């Protein structure tokens, strides 16, 4: 998803226990982990110390990152912040934090998965439940989850100087096993895409705010 990370400054949004950042540090990257949960960052500190991986961990929201413009070559997220934070705020932040030509890559549930969520059943179903165009924010009392139609994702990226490199709609291979059965069943994911990976790149022509 990220390509060669050696020698690159990498920001992980919604890092949780920072397992990705720990792995990236081992590959020669210079990671920074950011999460809005102090408890998750405690886990991250413990795991990174055990792995002898020394990198900054920041307690903050991905909607308002307390770091300078053009600080990173790569900004990425594995679900986390790109699910539980507002894309109208996280995408501009990613653009601000990236250097020209920098990569923004993230995984999240697909709009298909999102609109099949039935709150009454507390599960993803095989029918369309939510309004694809209007229901872009769901609050179940425990968490707020955000989504966007595909066209809105594309317009949002372009509005903030990103060129789209790839959209990968994940499908499990035949006979795959999963530990995330509460997210979606294997049978469901074989028929419809439950997860997506976006790769978008900051235009070389775009200037960050501090340079304007």
N, C-alpha and C. Protein backbone atom coordinates (compact mmCIF):
# COMPACT_ATOMS: atom_id res chain seq x y z
N UNK A 1 0.83 -1.21 0.00
CA UNK A 1 0.00 0.00 0.00
C UNK A 1 0.86 1.26 0.00
N UNK A 2 2.06 1.21 0.62
CA UNK A 2 2.88 2.41 0.78
C UNK A 2 4.12 2.43 -0.10
N UNK A 3 4.51 1.29 -0.66
CA UNK A 3 5.72 1.25 -1.46
C UNK A 3 6.97 1.28 -0.59
N UNK A 4 8.07 1.73 -1.16
CA UNK A 4 9.35 1.78 -0.44
C UNK A 4 9.31 2.93 0.57
N UNK A 5 9.51 2.62 1.84
CA UNK A 5 9.41 3.64 2.89
C UNK A 5 10.78 4.02 3.46
N UNK A 6 11.84 3.44 2.99
CA UNK A 6 13.16 3.71 3.55
C UNK A 6 13.52 5.18 3.47
N UNK A 7 13.89 5.76 4.61
CA UNK A 7 14.31 7.14 4.66
C UNK A 7 13.19 8.15 4.54
N UNK A 8 11.95 7.70 4.59
CA UNK A 8 10.82 8.61 4.40
C UNK A 8 10.14 8.94 5.73
N UNK A 9 9.66 10.18 5.80
CA UNK A 9 8.89 10.63 6.96
C UNK A 9 7.44 10.21 6.76
N UNK A 10 6.93 9.42 7.71
CA UNK A 10 5.61 8.80 7.56
C UNK A 10 4.76 9.12 8.78
N UNK A 11 3.56 9.61 8.55
CA UNK A 11 2.59 9.87 9.63
C UNK A 11 1.48 8.84 9.56
N UNK A 12 1.26 8.14 10.69
CA UNK A 12 0.15 7.20 10.78
C UNK A 12 -0.99 7.85 11.56
N UNK A 13 -2.10 8.09 10.89
CA UNK A 13 -3.29 8.67 11.53
C UNK A 13 -4.09 7.57 12.21
N UNK A 14 -4.49 7.79 13.46
CA UNK A 14 -5.23 6.77 14.19
C UNK A 14 -4.38 5.53 14.38
N UNK A 15 -3.19 5.71 14.95
CA UNK A 15 -2.21 4.62 14.98
C UNK A 15 -2.56 3.51 15.97
N UNK A 16 -3.46 3.76 16.93
CA UNK A 16 -3.78 2.74 17.91
C UNK A 16 -2.53 2.30 18.66
N UNK A 17 -2.27 1.01 18.69
CA UNK A 17 -1.08 0.49 19.37
C UNK A 17 0.19 0.63 18.54
N UNK A 18 0.09 1.29 17.39
CA UNK A 18 1.25 1.65 16.54
C UNK A 18 1.97 0.45 15.95
N UNK A 19 1.27 -0.64 15.74
CA UNK A 19 1.92 -1.82 15.15
C UNK A 19 2.44 -1.52 13.75
N UNK A 20 1.67 -0.75 12.96
CA UNK A 20 2.13 -0.40 11.62
C UNK A 20 3.39 0.47 11.71
N UNK A 21 3.37 1.47 12.58
CA UNK A 21 4.53 2.37 12.69
C UNK A 21 5.77 1.62 13.17
N UNK A 22 5.58 0.67 14.07
CA UNK A 22 6.70 -0.15 14.54
C UNK A 22 7.30 -0.94 13.37
N UNK A 23 6.42 -1.53 12.55
CA UNK A 23 6.89 -2.28 11.39
C UNK A 23 7.59 -1.38 10.38
N UNK A 24 7.06 -0.17 10.18
CA UNK A 24 7.68 0.75 9.23
C UNK A 24 9.04 1.23 9.71
N UNK A 25 9.17 1.43 11.02
CA UNK A 25 10.47 1.82 11.57
C UNK A 25 11.51 0.73 11.29
N UNK A 26 11.10 -0.52 11.40
CA UNK A 26 12.01 -1.64 11.12
C UNK A 26 12.42 -1.67 9.65
N UNK A 27 11.60 -1.09 8.78
CA UNK A 27 11.91 -1.06 7.35
C UNK A 27 12.71 0.18 6.95
N UNK A 28 13.04 1.02 7.93
CA UNK A 28 13.87 2.18 7.64
C UNK A 28 13.13 3.48 7.49
N UNK A 29 11.83 3.50 7.78
CA UNK A 29 11.06 4.75 7.74
C UNK A 29 11.28 5.55 9.01
N UNK A 30 10.87 6.82 8.97
CA UNK A 30 10.87 7.68 10.15
C UNK A 30 9.41 7.97 10.50
N UNK A 31 8.77 7.07 11.24
CA UNK A 31 7.33 7.21 11.49
C UNK A 31 7.02 8.16 12.64
N UNK A 32 5.80 8.68 12.59
CA UNK A 32 5.18 9.40 13.70
C UNK A 32 3.79 8.80 13.86
N UNK A 33 3.43 8.41 15.06
CA UNK A 33 2.10 7.85 15.31
C UNK A 33 1.21 8.88 15.99
N UNK A 34 -0.02 8.99 15.51
CA UNK A 34 -0.98 9.94 16.08
C UNK A 34 -2.28 9.22 16.39
N UNK A 35 -2.81 9.44 17.59
CA UNK A 35 -4.10 8.85 17.95
C UNK A 35 -4.81 9.77 18.93
N UNK A 36 -6.14 9.72 18.90
CA UNK A 36 -6.95 10.56 19.79
C UNK A 36 -7.25 9.86 21.11
N UNK A 37 -6.74 8.65 21.30
CA UNK A 37 -6.97 7.88 22.51
C UNK A 37 -5.67 7.76 23.32
N UNK A 38 -5.67 8.33 24.53
CA UNK A 38 -4.50 8.23 25.39
C UNK A 38 -4.23 6.78 25.78
N UNK A 39 -5.28 6.02 25.95
CA UNK A 39 -5.11 4.61 26.33
C UNK A 39 -4.42 3.82 25.22
N UNK A 40 -4.83 4.07 23.98
CA UNK A 40 -4.16 3.39 22.86
C UNK A 40 -2.70 3.78 22.78
N UNK A 41 -2.40 5.04 23.04
CA UNK A 41 -1.01 5.47 22.98
C UNK A 41 -0.17 4.85 24.09
N UNK A 42 -0.78 4.55 25.22
CA UNK A 42 -0.06 3.81 26.26
C UNK A 42 0.37 2.44 25.75
N UNK A 43 -0.55 1.76 25.04
CA UNK A 43 -0.20 0.47 24.43
C UNK A 43 0.92 0.66 23.40
N UNK A 44 0.82 1.74 22.61
CA UNK A 44 1.83 2.01 21.59
C UNK A 44 3.21 2.22 22.21
N UNK A 45 3.27 2.95 23.30
CA UNK A 45 4.57 3.17 23.96
C UNK A 45 5.16 1.86 24.47
N UNK A 46 4.32 1.02 25.05
CA UNK A 46 4.80 -0.27 25.56
C UNK A 46 5.32 -1.15 24.43
N UNK A 47 4.56 -1.24 23.34
CA UNK A 47 4.95 -2.11 22.24
C UNK A 47 6.18 -1.58 21.50
N UNK A 48 6.23 -0.27 21.31
CA UNK A 48 7.39 0.29 20.60
C UNK A 48 8.66 0.14 21.45
N UNK A 49 8.55 0.29 22.77
CA UNK A 49 9.71 0.08 23.63
C UNK A 49 10.18 -1.36 23.57
N UNK A 50 9.23 -2.29 23.57
CA UNK A 50 9.59 -3.71 23.49
C UNK A 50 10.27 -4.05 22.18
N UNK A 51 9.90 -3.33 21.12
CA UNK A 51 10.49 -3.56 19.79
C UNK A 51 11.74 -2.71 19.55
N UNK A 52 12.12 -1.91 20.55
CA UNK A 52 13.27 -1.00 20.43
C UNK A 52 13.09 -0.06 19.24
N UNK A 53 11.86 0.39 19.06
CA UNK A 53 11.53 1.34 17.99
C UNK A 53 11.25 2.70 18.63
N UNK A 54 12.07 3.67 18.32
CA UNK A 54 11.98 4.99 18.93
C UNK A 54 11.43 5.99 17.92
N UNK A 55 10.19 6.41 18.13
CA UNK A 55 9.58 7.41 17.25
C UNK A 55 8.52 8.18 18.05
N UNK A 56 8.15 9.39 17.59
CA UNK A 56 7.19 10.20 18.33
C UNK A 56 5.78 9.60 18.28
N UNK A 57 5.06 9.76 19.40
CA UNK A 57 3.65 9.40 19.49
C UNK A 57 2.91 10.65 19.97
N UNK A 58 1.87 11.03 19.23
CA UNK A 58 1.19 12.30 19.48
C UNK A 58 -0.27 12.06 19.83
N UNK A 59 -0.73 12.66 20.90
CA UNK A 59 -2.13 12.55 21.32
C UNK A 59 -2.90 13.72 20.71
N UNK A 60 -3.62 13.45 19.63
CA UNK A 60 -4.35 14.51 18.93
C UNK A 60 -5.33 13.88 17.95
N UNK A 61 -6.25 14.71 17.46
CA UNK A 61 -7.21 14.29 16.46
C UNK A 61 -6.63 14.44 15.06
N UNK A 62 -6.99 13.52 14.18
CA UNK A 62 -6.57 13.62 12.78
C UNK A 62 -7.25 14.79 12.07
N UNK A 63 -8.26 15.36 12.70
CA UNK A 63 -8.94 16.52 12.12
C UNK A 63 -8.17 17.81 12.38
N UNK A 64 -7.24 17.79 13.33
CA UNK A 64 -6.45 18.97 13.67
C UNK A 64 -5.10 18.50 14.21
N UNK A 65 -4.15 18.31 13.33
CA UNK A 65 -2.86 17.72 13.68
C UNK A 65 -1.88 18.83 14.08
N UNK A 66 -1.31 18.77 15.28
CA UNK A 66 -0.41 19.84 15.75
C UNK A 66 1.02 19.70 15.22
N UNK A 67 1.14 19.65 13.89
CA UNK A 67 2.44 19.51 13.25
C UNK A 67 2.52 20.48 12.07
N UNK A 68 3.72 20.88 11.67
CA UNK A 68 3.86 21.89 10.60
C UNK A 68 3.44 21.37 9.23
N UNK A 69 3.14 22.30 8.34
CA UNK A 69 2.86 21.98 6.95
C UNK A 69 4.06 21.26 6.32
N UNK A 70 3.77 20.44 5.32
CA UNK A 70 4.80 19.80 4.49
C UNK A 70 5.84 19.06 5.31
N UNK A 71 5.38 18.30 6.32
CA UNK A 71 6.29 17.57 7.21
C UNK A 71 6.54 16.13 6.78
N UNK A 72 5.72 15.60 5.85
CA UNK A 72 5.76 14.16 5.60
C UNK A 72 5.79 13.83 4.11
N UNK A 73 6.40 12.67 3.85
CA UNK A 73 6.39 12.10 2.49
C UNK A 73 5.16 11.21 2.31
N UNK A 74 4.70 10.60 3.41
CA UNK A 74 3.56 9.69 3.37
C UNK A 74 2.67 9.95 4.58
N UNK A 75 1.38 10.05 4.35
CA UNK A 75 0.37 10.02 5.42
C UNK A 75 -0.52 8.83 5.14
N UNK A 76 -0.73 7.96 6.15
CA UNK A 76 -1.57 6.80 5.91
C UNK A 76 -2.40 6.48 7.14
N UNK A 77 -3.40 5.63 6.91
CA UNK A 77 -4.32 5.26 7.97
C UNK A 77 -4.92 3.89 7.66
N UNK A 78 -4.92 3.02 8.66
CA UNK A 78 -5.59 1.72 8.54
C UNK A 78 -6.91 1.82 9.30
N UNK A 79 -7.98 2.13 8.57
CA UNK A 79 -9.32 2.35 9.13
C UNK A 79 -9.33 3.53 10.09
N UNK A 80 -9.14 3.30 11.39
CA UNK A 80 -9.03 4.33 12.42
C UNK A 80 -9.60 5.70 12.09
N UNK A 81 -8.69 6.65 11.92
CA UNK A 81 -9.09 8.05 11.76
C UNK A 81 -9.94 8.30 10.52
N UNK A 82 -9.73 7.55 9.47
CA UNK A 82 -10.51 7.77 8.25
C UNK A 82 -11.88 7.10 8.32
N UNK A 83 -12.19 6.50 9.43
CA UNK A 83 -13.53 5.97 9.69
C UNK A 83 -14.25 6.79 10.73
N UNK A 84 -13.52 7.19 11.79
CA UNK A 84 -14.15 7.84 12.94
C UNK A 84 -13.94 9.35 12.99
N UNK A 85 -13.32 9.92 11.98
CA UNK A 85 -13.16 11.36 11.88
C UNK A 85 -13.76 11.83 10.56
N UNK A 86 -14.10 13.11 10.50
CA UNK A 86 -14.81 13.67 9.36
C UNK A 86 -13.87 13.85 8.16
N UNK A 87 -14.12 13.18 7.04
CA UNK A 87 -13.24 13.33 5.87
C UNK A 87 -13.12 14.77 5.38
N UNK A 88 -14.15 15.59 5.62
CA UNK A 88 -14.07 16.98 5.20
C UNK A 88 -12.99 17.74 5.96
N UNK A 89 -12.52 17.15 7.07
CA UNK A 89 -11.44 17.77 7.84
C UNK A 89 -10.13 16.98 7.75
N UNK A 90 -10.23 15.65 7.66
CA UNK A 90 -9.00 14.86 7.61
C UNK A 90 -8.29 14.94 6.26
N UNK A 91 -9.04 14.99 5.18
CA UNK A 91 -8.40 15.06 3.86
C UNK A 91 -7.64 16.38 3.69
N UNK A 92 -8.21 17.55 4.06
CA UNK A 92 -7.41 18.77 3.99
C UNK A 92 -6.18 18.74 4.90
N UNK A 93 -6.30 18.10 6.07
CA UNK A 93 -5.14 17.98 6.95
C UNK A 93 -4.04 17.14 6.31
N UNK A 94 -4.42 16.03 5.69
CA UNK A 94 -3.43 15.21 5.01
C UNK A 94 -2.73 16.01 3.91
N UNK A 95 -3.51 16.78 3.15
CA UNK A 95 -2.92 17.61 2.10
C UNK A 95 -1.95 18.64 2.68
N UNK A 96 -2.32 19.24 3.79
CA UNK A 96 -1.46 20.24 4.42
C UNK A 96 -0.15 19.64 4.91
N UNK A 97 -0.22 18.44 5.46
CA UNK A 97 0.94 17.81 6.08
C UNK A 97 1.91 17.19 5.08
N UNK A 98 1.42 16.92 3.87
CA UNK A 98 2.27 16.26 2.86
C UNK A 98 3.10 17.26 2.08
N UNK A 99 4.30 16.82 1.72
CA UNK A 99 5.13 17.56 0.79
C UNK A 99 4.58 17.36 -0.63
N UNK A 100 4.87 18.27 -1.56
CA UNK A 100 4.45 18.04 -2.94
C UNK A 100 4.92 16.68 -3.45
N UNK A 101 4.03 15.94 -4.06
CA UNK A 101 4.33 14.59 -4.53
C UNK A 101 4.15 13.52 -3.48
N UNK A 102 3.76 13.91 -2.26
CA UNK A 102 3.59 12.95 -1.19
C UNK A 102 2.37 12.08 -1.36
N UNK A 103 2.40 10.91 -0.71
CA UNK A 103 1.35 9.90 -0.85
C UNK A 103 0.42 9.92 0.36
N UNK A 104 -0.87 9.90 0.09
CA UNK A 104 -1.89 9.70 1.11
C UNK A 104 -2.59 8.38 0.79
N UNK A 105 -2.48 7.42 1.70
CA UNK A 105 -3.06 6.09 1.49
C UNK A 105 -3.83 5.68 2.73
N UNK A 106 -5.03 5.14 2.53
CA UNK A 106 -5.81 4.71 3.69
C UNK A 106 -6.80 3.62 3.31
N UNK A 107 -7.13 2.80 4.31
CA UNK A 107 -8.18 1.80 4.14
C UNK A 107 -9.39 2.20 4.97
N UNK A 108 -10.56 1.75 4.53
CA UNK A 108 -11.80 2.06 5.24
C UNK A 108 -12.89 1.13 4.69
N UNK A 109 -14.00 1.10 5.39
CA UNK A 109 -15.16 0.38 4.86
C UNK A 109 -15.65 1.08 3.59
N UNK A 110 -16.19 0.31 2.67
CA UNK A 110 -16.69 0.88 1.42
C UNK A 110 -18.05 1.55 1.64
N UNK A 111 -18.45 2.42 0.72
CA UNK A 111 -19.81 2.96 0.77
C UNK A 111 -20.87 1.86 0.68
N UNK A 112 -20.56 0.77 -0.03
CA UNK A 112 -21.51 -0.36 -0.13
C UNK A 112 -21.74 -0.97 1.25
N UNK A 113 -20.65 -1.23 1.96
CA UNK A 113 -20.76 -1.76 3.32
C UNK A 113 -21.55 -0.80 4.20
N UNK A 114 -21.26 0.49 4.06
CA UNK A 114 -21.89 1.51 4.91
C UNK A 114 -23.41 1.53 4.73
N UNK A 115 -23.89 1.52 3.49
CA UNK A 115 -25.32 1.67 3.27
C UNK A 115 -26.09 0.39 3.55
N UNK A 116 -25.39 -0.73 3.74
CA UNK A 116 -26.05 -1.99 4.10
C UNK A 116 -26.13 -2.19 5.62
N UNK A 117 -25.66 -1.20 6.38
CA UNK A 117 -25.71 -1.30 7.84
C UNK A 117 -27.14 -1.10 8.33
N UNK A 118 -27.64 -2.07 9.10
CA UNK A 118 -28.97 -2.00 9.69
C UNK A 118 -28.81 -1.80 11.20
N UNK A 119 -29.10 -0.59 11.66
CA UNK A 119 -28.89 -0.27 13.07
C UNK A 119 -29.77 -1.13 13.98
N UNK A 120 -30.99 -1.43 13.53
CA UNK A 120 -31.89 -2.23 14.35
C UNK A 120 -31.33 -3.64 14.59
N UNK A 121 -30.65 -4.18 13.57
CA UNK A 121 -30.06 -5.52 13.69
C UNK A 121 -28.62 -5.47 14.18
N UNK A 122 -28.05 -4.26 14.23
CA UNK A 122 -26.67 -4.07 14.63
C UNK A 122 -25.74 -4.95 13.79
N UNK A 123 -25.98 -4.93 12.49
CA UNK A 123 -25.22 -5.79 11.58
C UNK A 123 -25.34 -5.29 10.15
N UNK A 124 -24.38 -5.72 9.33
CA UNK A 124 -24.46 -5.48 7.89
C UNK A 124 -25.37 -6.53 7.28
N UNK A 125 -26.28 -6.10 6.43
CA UNK A 125 -27.26 -7.01 5.84
C UNK A 125 -27.01 -7.15 4.34
N UNK A 126 -27.87 -7.89 3.69
CA UNK A 126 -27.77 -8.07 2.24
C UNK A 126 -28.75 -7.16 1.49
N UNK A 127 -29.16 -6.10 2.15
CA UNK A 127 -30.06 -5.13 1.49
C UNK A 127 -29.57 -3.72 1.79
N UNK A 128 -29.95 -2.81 0.89
CA UNK A 128 -29.59 -1.40 1.07
C UNK A 128 -30.52 -0.80 2.13
N UNK A 129 -29.94 -0.20 3.15
CA UNK A 129 -30.72 0.33 4.26
C UNK A 129 -30.61 1.85 4.33
N UNK A 130 -29.38 2.36 4.36
CA UNK A 130 -29.17 3.80 4.48
C UNK A 130 -29.28 4.48 3.13
N UNK A 131 -29.50 5.80 3.18
CA UNK A 131 -29.55 6.62 1.98
C UNK A 131 -28.13 6.87 1.49
N UNK A 132 -27.78 6.34 0.33
CA UNK A 132 -26.42 6.43 -0.20
C UNK A 132 -25.94 7.88 -0.30
N UNK A 133 -26.82 8.78 -0.68
CA UNK A 133 -26.43 10.16 -0.93
C UNK A 133 -26.46 11.03 0.33
N UNK A 134 -27.34 10.75 1.25
CA UNK A 134 -27.54 11.65 2.39
C UNK A 134 -27.00 11.13 3.72
N UNK A 135 -27.03 9.84 3.95
CA UNK A 135 -26.58 9.29 5.23
C UNK A 135 -25.07 9.06 5.18
N UNK A 136 -24.33 10.10 5.54
CA UNK A 136 -22.87 10.02 5.48
C UNK A 136 -22.23 10.03 6.87
N UNK A 137 -23.06 9.97 7.90
CA UNK A 137 -22.58 10.01 9.28
C UNK A 137 -23.57 9.22 10.12
N UNK A 138 -23.09 8.20 10.82
CA UNK A 138 -23.95 7.37 11.66
C UNK A 138 -23.41 7.38 13.09
N UNK A 139 -24.27 7.66 14.04
CA UNK A 139 -23.92 7.67 15.45
C UNK A 139 -24.76 6.61 16.15
N UNK A 140 -24.12 5.52 16.61
CA UNK A 140 -24.86 4.46 17.27
C UNK A 140 -24.82 4.58 18.79
N UNK A 141 -24.35 5.72 19.28
CA UNK A 141 -24.26 5.93 20.72
C UNK A 141 -22.92 5.55 21.30
N UNK A 142 -22.16 4.74 20.58
CA UNK A 142 -20.83 4.33 21.02
C UNK A 142 -19.73 4.94 20.16
N UNK A 143 -20.03 5.11 18.88
CA UNK A 143 -19.05 5.68 17.96
C UNK A 143 -19.77 6.37 16.82
N UNK A 144 -19.09 7.37 16.25
CA UNK A 144 -19.58 8.04 15.05
C UNK A 144 -18.74 7.57 13.88
N UNK A 145 -19.41 7.07 12.85
CA UNK A 145 -18.73 6.52 11.67
C UNK A 145 -19.09 7.37 10.46
N UNK A 146 -18.09 7.70 9.66
CA UNK A 146 -18.29 8.54 8.49
C UNK A 146 -18.08 7.73 7.20
N UNK A 147 -18.76 8.15 6.16
CA UNK A 147 -18.56 7.56 4.84
C UNK A 147 -18.86 8.63 3.80
N UNK A 148 -18.53 8.33 2.54
CA UNK A 148 -18.83 9.21 1.42
C UNK A 148 -19.16 8.36 0.20
N UNK A 149 -20.07 8.81 -0.67
CA UNK A 149 -20.22 8.16 -1.97
C UNK A 149 -18.91 8.29 -2.76
N UNK A 150 -18.71 7.38 -3.68
CA UNK A 150 -17.45 7.38 -4.44
C UNK A 150 -17.20 8.71 -5.15
N UNK A 151 -18.23 9.27 -5.75
CA UNK A 151 -18.05 10.55 -6.45
C UNK A 151 -17.62 11.66 -5.52
N UNK A 152 -18.15 11.66 -4.30
CA UNK A 152 -17.77 12.70 -3.34
C UNK A 152 -16.34 12.53 -2.86
N UNK A 153 -15.88 11.26 -2.70
CA UNK A 153 -14.48 11.04 -2.38
C UNK A 153 -13.59 11.66 -3.46
N UNK A 154 -13.93 11.39 -4.72
CA UNK A 154 -13.10 11.88 -5.82
C UNK A 154 -13.06 13.40 -5.84
N UNK A 155 -14.22 14.04 -5.68
CA UNK A 155 -14.25 15.51 -5.67
C UNK A 155 -13.50 16.08 -4.47
N UNK A 156 -13.59 15.43 -3.32
CA UNK A 156 -12.89 15.89 -2.13
C UNK A 156 -11.37 15.82 -2.33
N UNK A 157 -10.90 14.72 -2.89
CA UNK A 157 -9.46 14.61 -3.16
C UNK A 157 -8.99 15.70 -4.12
N UNK A 158 -9.70 15.86 -5.19
CA UNK A 158 -9.30 16.85 -6.21
C UNK A 158 -9.33 18.26 -5.65
N UNK A 159 -10.30 18.56 -4.80
CA UNK A 159 -10.42 19.90 -4.23
C UNK A 159 -9.21 20.27 -3.38
N UNK A 160 -8.49 19.24 -2.90
CA UNK A 160 -7.35 19.51 -2.03
C UNK A 160 -6.02 19.09 -2.67
N UNK A 161 -6.02 19.08 -3.99
CA UNK A 161 -4.77 18.92 -4.72
C UNK A 161 -4.25 17.51 -4.85
N UNK A 162 -5.12 16.52 -4.73
CA UNK A 162 -4.70 15.13 -4.86
C UNK A 162 -5.06 14.57 -6.24
N UNK A 163 -4.15 13.79 -6.78
CA UNK A 163 -4.42 13.00 -7.98
C UNK A 163 -4.62 11.56 -7.55
N UNK A 164 -5.64 10.91 -8.06
CA UNK A 164 -5.97 9.54 -7.65
C UNK A 164 -5.08 8.55 -8.42
N UNK A 165 -4.38 7.72 -7.66
CA UNK A 165 -3.54 6.68 -8.28
C UNK A 165 -4.27 5.34 -8.34
N UNK A 166 -5.04 5.02 -7.29
CA UNK A 166 -5.67 3.71 -7.29
C UNK A 166 -6.80 3.67 -6.26
N UNK A 167 -7.80 2.87 -6.56
CA UNK A 167 -8.84 2.48 -5.61
C UNK A 167 -8.92 0.96 -5.67
N UNK A 168 -8.59 0.33 -4.56
CA UNK A 168 -8.59 -1.13 -4.49
C UNK A 168 -9.78 -1.56 -3.65
N UNK A 169 -10.71 -2.28 -4.28
CA UNK A 169 -11.86 -2.83 -3.56
C UNK A 169 -11.51 -4.27 -3.20
N UNK A 170 -11.30 -4.51 -1.92
CA UNK A 170 -10.76 -5.79 -1.47
C UNK A 170 -11.80 -6.90 -1.53
N UNK A 171 -11.33 -8.07 -1.97
CA UNK A 171 -12.17 -9.26 -2.01
C UNK A 171 -11.36 -10.44 -1.48
N UNK A 172 -11.86 -11.16 -0.48
CA UNK A 172 -11.07 -12.28 0.06
C UNK A 172 -10.94 -13.39 -0.98
N UNK A 173 -9.80 -14.07 -1.00
CA UNK A 173 -9.64 -15.19 -1.94
C UNK A 173 -10.49 -16.38 -1.52
N UNK A 174 -10.66 -17.30 -2.43
CA UNK A 174 -11.43 -18.51 -2.12
C UNK A 174 -10.86 -19.22 -0.89
N UNK A 175 -11.76 -19.57 0.02
CA UNK A 175 -11.36 -20.32 1.20
C UNK A 175 -10.69 -19.53 2.29
N UNK A 176 -10.67 -18.20 2.19
CA UNK A 176 -10.01 -17.37 3.20
C UNK A 176 -10.74 -17.46 4.53
N UNK A 177 -9.98 -17.29 5.61
CA UNK A 177 -10.56 -17.24 6.96
C UNK A 177 -10.41 -15.84 7.51
N UNK A 178 -11.26 -15.47 8.46
CA UNK A 178 -11.20 -14.13 9.04
C UNK A 178 -11.49 -14.19 10.53
N UNK A 179 -10.90 -13.25 11.25
CA UNK A 179 -11.21 -13.08 12.67
C UNK A 179 -12.16 -11.89 12.87
N UNK A 180 -12.60 -11.28 11.76
CA UNK A 180 -13.46 -10.10 11.84
C UNK A 180 -14.88 -10.43 11.37
N UNK A 181 -15.45 -11.49 11.90
CA UNK A 181 -16.78 -11.93 11.46
C UNK A 181 -17.87 -10.95 11.85
N UNK A 182 -17.63 -10.14 12.88
CA UNK A 182 -18.63 -9.15 13.27
C UNK A 182 -18.65 -7.99 12.29
N UNK A 183 -17.55 -7.79 11.56
CA UNK A 183 -17.50 -6.72 10.56
C UNK A 183 -18.31 -7.11 9.34
N UNK A 184 -18.03 -8.27 8.81
CA UNK A 184 -18.78 -8.79 7.66
C UNK A 184 -18.42 -10.26 7.50
N UNK A 185 -19.35 -11.04 6.99
CA UNK A 185 -19.07 -12.46 6.79
C UNK A 185 -18.22 -12.67 5.54
N UNK A 186 -17.55 -13.80 5.49
CA UNK A 186 -16.76 -14.16 4.31
C UNK A 186 -17.66 -14.19 3.06
N UNK A 187 -18.85 -14.77 3.20
CA UNK A 187 -19.77 -14.89 2.07
C UNK A 187 -20.17 -13.50 1.55
N UNK A 188 -20.41 -12.58 2.48
CA UNK A 188 -20.79 -11.21 2.09
C UNK A 188 -19.64 -10.57 1.31
N UNK A 189 -18.43 -10.67 1.86
CA UNK A 189 -17.28 -10.01 1.25
C UNK A 189 -16.89 -10.62 -0.09
N UNK A 190 -17.28 -11.85 -0.36
CA UNK A 190 -17.04 -12.44 -1.66
C UNK A 190 -17.99 -11.88 -2.71
N UNK A 191 -19.15 -11.41 -2.28
CA UNK A 191 -20.15 -10.90 -3.23
C UNK A 191 -20.05 -9.40 -3.44
N UNK A 192 -19.71 -8.66 -2.38
CA UNK A 192 -19.65 -7.20 -2.45
C UNK A 192 -18.39 -6.71 -1.73
N UNK A 193 -17.83 -5.59 -2.17
CA UNK A 193 -16.61 -5.09 -1.50
C UNK A 193 -16.96 -4.49 -0.14
N UNK A 194 -16.32 -5.00 0.91
CA UNK A 194 -16.54 -4.48 2.25
C UNK A 194 -15.48 -3.46 2.63
N UNK A 195 -14.27 -3.61 2.08
CA UNK A 195 -13.16 -2.72 2.40
C UNK A 195 -12.56 -2.13 1.13
N UNK A 196 -12.01 -0.94 1.28
CA UNK A 196 -11.38 -0.26 0.15
C UNK A 196 -10.05 0.33 0.60
N UNK A 197 -9.14 0.47 -0.35
CA UNK A 197 -7.89 1.18 -0.13
C UNK A 197 -7.77 2.26 -1.19
N UNK A 198 -7.63 3.51 -0.75
CA UNK A 198 -7.39 4.63 -1.64
C UNK A 198 -5.91 4.99 -1.61
N UNK A 199 -5.35 5.25 -2.78
CA UNK A 199 -4.00 5.82 -2.91
C UNK A 199 -4.13 7.10 -3.74
N UNK A 200 -3.83 8.23 -3.11
CA UNK A 200 -3.90 9.52 -3.81
C UNK A 200 -2.61 10.28 -3.54
N UNK A 201 -2.19 11.08 -4.50
CA UNK A 201 -0.89 11.75 -4.39
C UNK A 201 -1.03 13.26 -4.51
N UNK A 202 -0.33 13.94 -3.63
CA UNK A 202 -0.32 15.41 -3.61
C UNK A 202 0.35 15.92 -4.87
N UNK A 203 -0.30 16.84 -5.53
CA UNK A 203 0.24 17.37 -6.78
C UNK A 203 1.57 18.08 -6.54
N UNK A 204 2.49 17.93 -7.48
CA UNK A 204 3.77 18.63 -7.40
C UNK A 204 3.60 20.13 -7.55
N UNK A 205 2.49 20.54 -8.14
CA UNK A 205 2.25 21.95 -8.37
C UNK A 205 1.60 22.66 -7.19
N UNK A 206 1.10 21.84 -6.21
CA UNK A 206 0.41 22.44 -5.08
C UNK A 206 1.41 22.99 -4.07
N UNK A 207 1.08 24.12 -3.50
CA UNK A 207 1.90 24.72 -2.47
C UNK A 207 1.16 24.62 -1.13
N UNK A 208 1.91 24.34 -0.08
CA UNK A 208 1.32 24.32 1.25
C UNK A 208 1.13 25.74 1.76
N UNK A 209 0.30 25.86 2.77
CA UNK A 209 -0.10 27.16 3.25
C UNK A 209 1.07 28.03 3.69
N UNK A 210 2.06 27.43 4.34
CA UNK A 210 3.17 28.22 4.85
C UNK A 210 4.02 28.79 3.72
N UNK A 211 3.91 28.21 2.51
CA UNK A 211 4.70 28.69 1.38
C UNK A 211 3.95 29.73 0.55
N UNK A 212 2.68 29.98 0.91
CA UNK A 212 1.87 30.89 0.09
C UNK A 212 1.90 32.31 0.63
